[in-house]
Amino acid sequence: LDEFLSVLDGTPTIVVGNILVGGTGKTPVVVAVIKSLQARGWKPGVVSRGYGVKIGPEPRTGQGELPASEFGDEPSLIAASTGVPIAVHPRRDRARQALVKNFSDVNVVISDDGLQHHALSRDVEIVVQDTRGVGNGRLIPAGPLREPASKLDEVDFIIDNRPVTETQPVDRGVVVPFSKTRHPKRVSMHLQPTFAEHLASRKQLAWTEWVARHRATPIAAVAAIGQPARFFQTLRDAGLVLAHERALPDHATFSASPFASVSEDIIAITAKDAVKCRQFPDPRVWVVH
């Protein structure tokens, strides 16, 4: 990616999206791309829709720990994880304009989702797939696709998000010059926990240590993400006993604590949900990063 960006003029735009409805792992990819570019001297900024938030006519920009109620859960998570400036608006092209205007040092823009937002010009397209593939190959509502599967032949990178047990070594091949006419470059990824964070105190424990402490204790898991079953399975794969699983709608907003009806002494949640739950510092809750 660094090789491709280096031959582009101006401030290039990278779109990270998918053609499937539901979570495929876009946000972790956005965070990974940001950190990789930062390590190579780039100054990324992010644009997003700000799903579920009333933005108003003008884009909203910010940096640092941003309230999910004003920016959306995913932009808030990205900002907290990376420190990059963020701009949100339903029209991502307008968000991009505000981002580069308000943060003059940004020299590469990453769009969290927005593959189908054609008003946003882009230089690189990254599609994140999961084990569902293209489903039955049909568009919404007859199938799970936002646009035809033929789109996969047009993008620059396809990242296959597989369970850790299925991930194969990636053949990175030879880096070729940037060209929209070449075939997409495919890589594999998998998600696995690295540490757990106590929601109330922000104390952190290495994942192996946290699992060792709680492996013998039945726990609860709460998730409001695109694929909550994937999160629950990750916990079970680690050897944890899930006595209670509570799946909530993706991007759910919490006007009251989502943990009030949970009786277990330990509750595991995702980092995406944590940005909305800081106002409910339940001492039983741990965030799985």
Protein backbone atom coordinates (compact mmCIF):
# COMPACT_ATOMS: atom_id res chain seq x y z
CA LEU A 1 0.00 0.00 0.00
CA ASP A 2 2.84 2.39 0.86
CA GLU A 3 4.35 1.69 -2.59
CA PHE A 4 1.07 2.52 -4.30
CA LEU A 5 0.48 5.74 -2.36
CA SER A 6 3.97 7.05 -3.00
CA VAL A 7 3.30 7.38 -6.75
CA LEU A 8 0.06 9.35 -6.34
CA ASP A 9 -0.23 13.12 -6.42
CA GLY A 10 -2.05 15.28 -3.89
CA THR A 11 -3.79 13.75 -0.87
CA PRO A 12 -4.86 10.21 -1.83
CA THR A 13 -8.03 8.58 -0.55
CA ILE A 14 -8.30 4.94 0.52
CA VAL A 15 -11.76 3.39 0.85
CA VAL A 16 -12.11 0.38 3.13
CA GLY A 17 -15.49 -1.23 2.57
CA ASN A 18 -17.37 -4.37 1.66
CA ILE A 19 -20.07 -5.57 -0.68
CA LEU A 20 -21.81 -7.62 2.01
CA VAL A 21 -24.41 -6.40 4.47
CA GLY A 22 -23.22 -6.82 8.04
CA GLY A 23 -19.86 -6.70 9.74
CA THR A 24 -16.92 -8.26 7.91
CA GLY A 25 -14.13 -6.67 9.96
CA LYS A 26 -13.76 -3.29 8.24
CA THR A 27 -13.01 -1.24 11.34
CA PRO A 28 -10.08 -3.40 12.54
CA VAL A 29 -8.68 -3.16 9.01
CA VAL A 30 -9.02 0.64 9.07
CA VAL A 31 -7.14 0.76 12.38
CA ALA A 32 -4.43 -1.59 11.06
CA VAL A 33 -4.01 0.47 7.87
CA ILE A 34 -3.75 3.68 9.90
CA LYS A 35 -1.10 2.30 12.23
CA SER A 36 0.88 0.83 9.34
CA LEU A 37 0.87 4.14 7.47
CA GLN A 38 1.77 6.07 10.63
CA ALA A 39 4.78 3.79 11.09
CA ARG A 40 5.90 4.76 7.59
CA GLY A 41 5.63 8.49 8.19
CA TRP A 42 2.17 9.18 6.74
CA LYS A 43 -0.34 11.47 8.48
CA PRO A 44 -3.72 9.76 8.00
CA GLY A 45 -7.16 11.18 8.66
CA VAL A 46 -10.48 9.31 8.58
CA VAL A 47 -13.90 10.09 7.18
CA SER A 48 -17.02 8.18 8.14
CA ARG A 49 -20.77 8.47 7.93
CA GLY A 50 -21.30 8.72 11.69
CA TYR A 51 -23.99 6.06 11.61
CA GLY A 52 -26.90 6.65 13.99
CA VAL A 53 -25.82 10.21 14.86
CA LYS A 54 -27.58 13.41 13.77
CA ILE A 55 -24.77 15.39 12.17
CA GLY A 56 -26.56 18.41 10.72
CA PRO A 57 -25.76 20.23 7.47
CA GLU A 58 -22.03 20.68 8.21
CA PRO A 59 -19.49 17.89 8.79
CA ARG A 60 -18.32 17.32 12.35
CA THR A 61 -14.58 17.03 12.97
CA GLY A 62 -12.47 16.13 15.98
CA GLN A 63 -9.47 14.28 17.35
CA GLY A 64 -8.68 12.26 20.47
CA GLU A 65 -11.37 10.68 22.64
CA LEU A 66 -14.56 11.61 20.82
CA PRO A 67 -18.05 10.92 22.24
CA ALA A 68 -19.83 8.17 20.35
CA SER A 69 -23.09 10.08 20.77
CA GLU A 70 -21.67 12.86 18.55
CA PHE A 71 -19.46 10.94 16.11
CA GLY A 72 -20.77 7.35 16.06
CA ASP A 73 -19.32 4.24 17.65
CA GLU A 74 -16.87 3.25 14.92
CA PRO A 75 -15.36 6.75 14.40
CA SER A 76 -15.06 7.11 18.18
CA LEU A 77 -13.25 3.77 18.42
CA ILE A 78 -10.91 4.63 15.54
CA ALA A 79 -10.07 8.01 17.05
CA ALA A 80 -9.34 6.51 20.47
CA SER A 81 -7.26 3.68 19.01
CA THR A 82 -5.12 5.74 16.66
CA GLY A 83 -5.28 9.43 17.62
CA VAL A 84 -5.98 10.48 14.04
CA PRO A 85 -8.37 13.33 13.14
CA ILE A 86 -11.89 12.32 12.18
CA ALA A 87 -14.62 13.91 10.06
CA VAL A 88 -18.17 12.55 9.90
CA HIS A 89 -21.07 13.35 7.58
CA PRO A 90 -23.56 11.27 5.56
CA ARG A 91 -21.86 12.69 2.46
CA ARG A 92 -18.32 11.47 2.78
CA ASP A 93 -17.07 13.82 0.07
CA ARG A 94 -18.08 16.75 2.27
CA ALA A 95 -16.49 15.07 5.29
CA ARG A 96 -13.27 14.76 3.30
CA GLN A 97 -13.31 18.45 2.41
CA ALA A 98 -13.74 19.40 6.08
CA LEU A 99 -11.02 16.99 7.20
CA VAL A 100 -8.29 18.32 4.91
CA LYS A 101 -9.37 21.91 5.60
CA ASN A 102 -9.32 21.62 9.40
CA PHE A 103 -6.27 19.33 9.65
CA SER A 104 -3.71 20.62 7.18
CA ASP A 105 -1.08 18.00 8.04
CA VAL A 106 -3.29 15.10 6.84
CA ASN A 107 -1.69 13.68 3.69
CA VAL A 108 -3.79 10.54 3.21
CA VAL A 109 -7.53 10.08 3.82
CA ILE A 110 -9.10 6.76 4.79
CA SER A 111 -12.82 6.23 4.43
CA ASP A 112 -14.33 3.85 6.98
CA ASP A 113 -16.89 2.14 4.74
CA GLY A 114 -18.23 4.14 1.78
CA LEU A 115 -17.37 1.76 -1.04
CA GLN A 116 -20.81 2.45 -2.50
CA HIS A 117 -20.61 6.23 -1.86
CA HIS A 118 -19.59 7.12 -5.41
CA ALA A 119 -19.54 10.88 -4.80
CA LEU A 120 -16.33 10.26 -2.84
CA SER A 121 -13.42 10.03 -5.26
CA ARG A 122 -10.87 7.39 -4.33
CA ASP A 123 -7.42 6.20 -5.33
CA VAL A 124 -7.35 2.82 -3.60
CA GLU A 125 -10.23 0.45 -2.82
CA ILE A 126 -9.91 -2.26 -0.16
CA VAL A 127 -12.71 -4.78 0.25
CA VAL A 128 -12.99 -6.90 3.40
CA GLN A 129 -14.70 -10.27 2.96
CA ASP A 130 -15.49 -13.01 5.47
CA THR A 131 -16.43 -16.68 5.32
CA ARG A 132 -19.84 -15.83 3.86
CA GLY A 133 -18.21 -15.02 0.53
CA VAL A 134 -20.88 -13.48 -1.67
CA GLY A 135 -23.74 -15.54 -0.21
CA ASN A 136 -26.28 -16.42 -2.90
CA GLY A 137 -24.78 -13.76 -5.17
CA ARG A 138 -27.92 -11.63 -5.20
CA LEU A 139 -28.46 -8.00 -4.29
CA ILE A 140 -30.52 -6.77 -1.34
CA PRO A 141 -33.29 -7.75 -0.59
CA ALA A 142 -33.01 -11.07 -2.43
CA GLY A 143 -29.48 -11.62 -1.11
CA PRO A 144 -26.77 -10.11 1.09
CA LEU A 145 -24.96 -7.95 -1.49
CA ARG A 146 -24.85 -4.16 -1.59
CA GLU A 147 -23.61 -4.27 -5.19
CA PRO A 148 -22.84 -7.00 -7.73
CA ALA A 149 -20.08 -9.49 -6.94
CA SER A 150 -18.32 -8.34 -10.12
CA LYS A 151 -17.15 -5.34 -8.09
CA LEU A 152 -14.53 -7.65 -6.57
CA ASP A 153 -12.75 -7.73 -9.93
CA GLU A 154 -12.34 -3.95 -9.90
CA VAL A 155 -10.88 -3.23 -6.46
CA ASP A 156 -7.19 -3.03 -5.52
CA PHE A 157 -7.10 -5.29 -2.46
CA ILE A 158 -9.36 -8.04 -1.13
CA ILE A 159 -8.79 -8.99 2.50
CA ASP A 160 -10.24 -12.33 3.58
CA ASN A 161 -11.21 -12.33 7.25
CA ARG A 162 -11.08 -15.96 8.33
CA PRO A 163 -11.25 -17.75 11.68
CA VAL A 164 -7.77 -18.18 13.13
CA THR A 165 -8.00 -21.95 12.66
CA GLU A 166 -8.57 -21.50 8.90
CA THR A 167 -6.07 -18.76 8.11
CA GLN A 168 -3.36 -19.87 5.71
CA PRO A 169 0.06 -18.24 5.22
CA VAL A 170 -0.22 -15.29 2.85
CA ASP A 171 1.72 -15.34 -0.40
CA ARG A 172 2.51 -11.65 -0.74
CA GLY A 173 4.05 -12.12 -4.19
CA VAL A 174 5.79 -9.26 -5.96
CA VAL A 175 4.74 -5.65 -5.41
CA VAL A 176 3.67 -4.31 -8.79
CA PRO A 177 3.24 -0.65 -9.81
CA PHE A 178 -0.09 0.91 -8.93
CA SER A 179 -2.60 0.29 -11.70
CA LYS A 180 -6.37 0.09 -11.80
CA THR A 181 -6.12 -2.52 -14.56
CA ARG A 182 -4.30 -5.18 -12.54
CA HIS A 183 -6.05 -7.96 -10.66
CA PRO A 184 -6.86 -7.39 -6.98
CA LYS A 185 -4.16 -8.37 -4.53
CA ARG A 186 -5.52 -10.84 -1.95
CA VAL A 187 -4.33 -11.17 1.62
CA SER A 188 -5.69 -13.02 4.64
CA MET A 189 -6.40 -11.73 8.12
CA HIS A 190 -7.76 -13.05 11.36
CA LEU A 191 -8.86 -11.38 14.56
CA GLN A 192 -7.72 -12.55 17.96
CA PRO A 193 -7.82 -10.93 21.40
CA THR A 194 -4.66 -9.24 22.67
CA PHE A 195 -5.69 -7.81 26.03
CA ALA A 196 -8.68 -7.17 28.29
CA GLU A 197 -9.44 -3.77 29.80
CA HIS A 198 -11.51 -3.18 32.92
CA LEU A 199 -14.19 -0.71 31.82
CA ALA A 200 -14.42 1.22 35.09
CA SER A 201 -10.74 1.47 36.06
CA ARG A 202 -9.16 1.02 32.59
CA LYS A 203 -6.77 -1.50 34.09
CA GLN A 204 -5.37 -3.80 31.41
CA LEU A 205 -4.43 -7.46 31.53
CA ALA A 206 -2.80 -9.58 28.87
CA TRP A 207 -5.39 -11.80 27.22
CA THR A 208 -3.81 -15.05 28.39
CA GLU A 209 -3.72 -13.79 31.98
CA TRP A 210 -7.33 -12.62 31.89
CA VAL A 211 -8.52 -15.92 30.44
CA ALA A 212 -6.58 -17.87 33.08
CA ARG A 213 -8.32 -15.88 35.82
CA HIS A 214 -11.83 -16.45 34.47
CA ARG A 215 -11.71 -19.78 32.65
CA ALA A 216 -13.43 -21.57 35.55
CA THR A 217 -16.10 -18.89 36.03
CA PRO A 218 -19.24 -18.76 33.87
CA ILE A 219 -19.34 -15.31 32.28
CA ALA A 220 -21.71 -13.20 30.21
CA ALA A 221 -21.01 -11.59 26.85
CA VAL A 222 -22.84 -8.58 25.40
CA ALA A 223 -22.29 -7.34 21.85
CA ALA A 224 -23.96 -4.77 19.57
CA ILE A 225 -21.92 -5.41 16.42
CA GLY A 226 -22.57 -6.73 12.92
CA GLN A 227 -21.62 -10.32 13.75
CA PRO A 228 -22.07 -10.86 17.52
CA ALA A 229 -21.88 -14.64 17.13
CA ARG A 230 -18.29 -14.23 15.93
CA PHE A 231 -17.39 -12.45 19.18
CA PHE A 232 -19.09 -15.08 21.31
CA GLN A 233 -17.28 -17.86 19.45
CA THR A 234 -13.95 -16.12 20.02
CA LEU A 235 -14.58 -16.24 23.76
CA ARG A 236 -15.57 -19.91 23.65
CA ASP A 237 -12.51 -20.75 21.54
CA ALA A 238 -10.37 -19.26 24.32
CA GLY A 239 -11.83 -21.80 26.74
CA LEU A 240 -14.26 -19.45 28.49
CA VAL A 241 -17.69 -20.65 29.60
CA LEU A 242 -20.49 -18.37 28.36
CA ALA A 243 -23.47 -18.64 30.67
CA HIS A 244 -25.28 -15.77 28.98
CA GLU A 245 -25.01 -14.29 25.46
CA ARG A 246 -26.80 -11.06 24.68
CA ALA A 247 -26.74 -9.95 21.04
CA LEU A 248 -28.02 -6.43 20.38
CA PRO A 249 -28.58 -4.66 17.05
CA ASP A 250 -25.49 -3.27 15.35
CA HIS A 251 -24.86 0.38 16.32
CA ALA A 252 -27.39 0.14 19.16
CA THR A 253 -27.47 3.23 21.35
CA PHE A 254 -27.68 2.87 25.12
CA SER A 255 -29.84 5.32 27.06
CA ALA A 256 -29.63 2.95 30.03
CA SER A 257 -27.10 0.34 31.05
CA PRO A 258 -27.26 -2.78 28.85
CA PHE A 259 -25.86 -4.76 31.79
CA ALA A 260 -28.67 -4.21 34.29
CA SER A 261 -30.44 -7.47 33.41
CA VAL A 262 -27.21 -9.53 33.41
CA SER A 263 -26.62 -11.53 36.59
CA GLU A 264 -23.11 -12.92 35.97
CA ASP A 265 -20.15 -11.57 37.91
CA ILE A 266 -18.02 -11.06 34.78
CA ILE A 267 -19.25 -9.47 31.55
CA ALA A 268 -17.21 -9.32 28.34
CA ILE A 269 -17.91 -6.67 25.68
CA THR A 270 -16.26 -5.49 22.45
CA ALA A 271 -14.08 -2.41 22.06
CA LYS A 272 -16.68 -0.98 19.68
CA ASP A 273 -19.34 -1.18 22.39
CA ALA A 274 -16.99 0.14 25.07
CA VAL A 275 -16.97 3.65 23.56
CA LYS A 276 -20.72 3.83 24.26
CA CYS A 277 -20.56 2.24 27.71
CA ARG A 278 -18.03 4.46 29.53
CA GLN A 279 -21.02 6.22 31.10
CA PHE A 280 -22.05 2.90 32.69
CA PRO A 281 -18.91 1.97 34.71
CA ASP A 282 -20.23 -1.40 35.85
CA PRO A 283 -17.36 -3.03 37.78
CA ARG A 284 -18.17 -6.44 36.25
CA VAL A 285 -17.44 -5.33 32.68
CA TRP A 286 -14.24 -6.07 30.78
CA VAL A 287 -13.48 -4.92 27.24
CA VAL A 288 -11.92 -7.47 24.90
CA HIS A 289 -9.45 -5.74 22.54
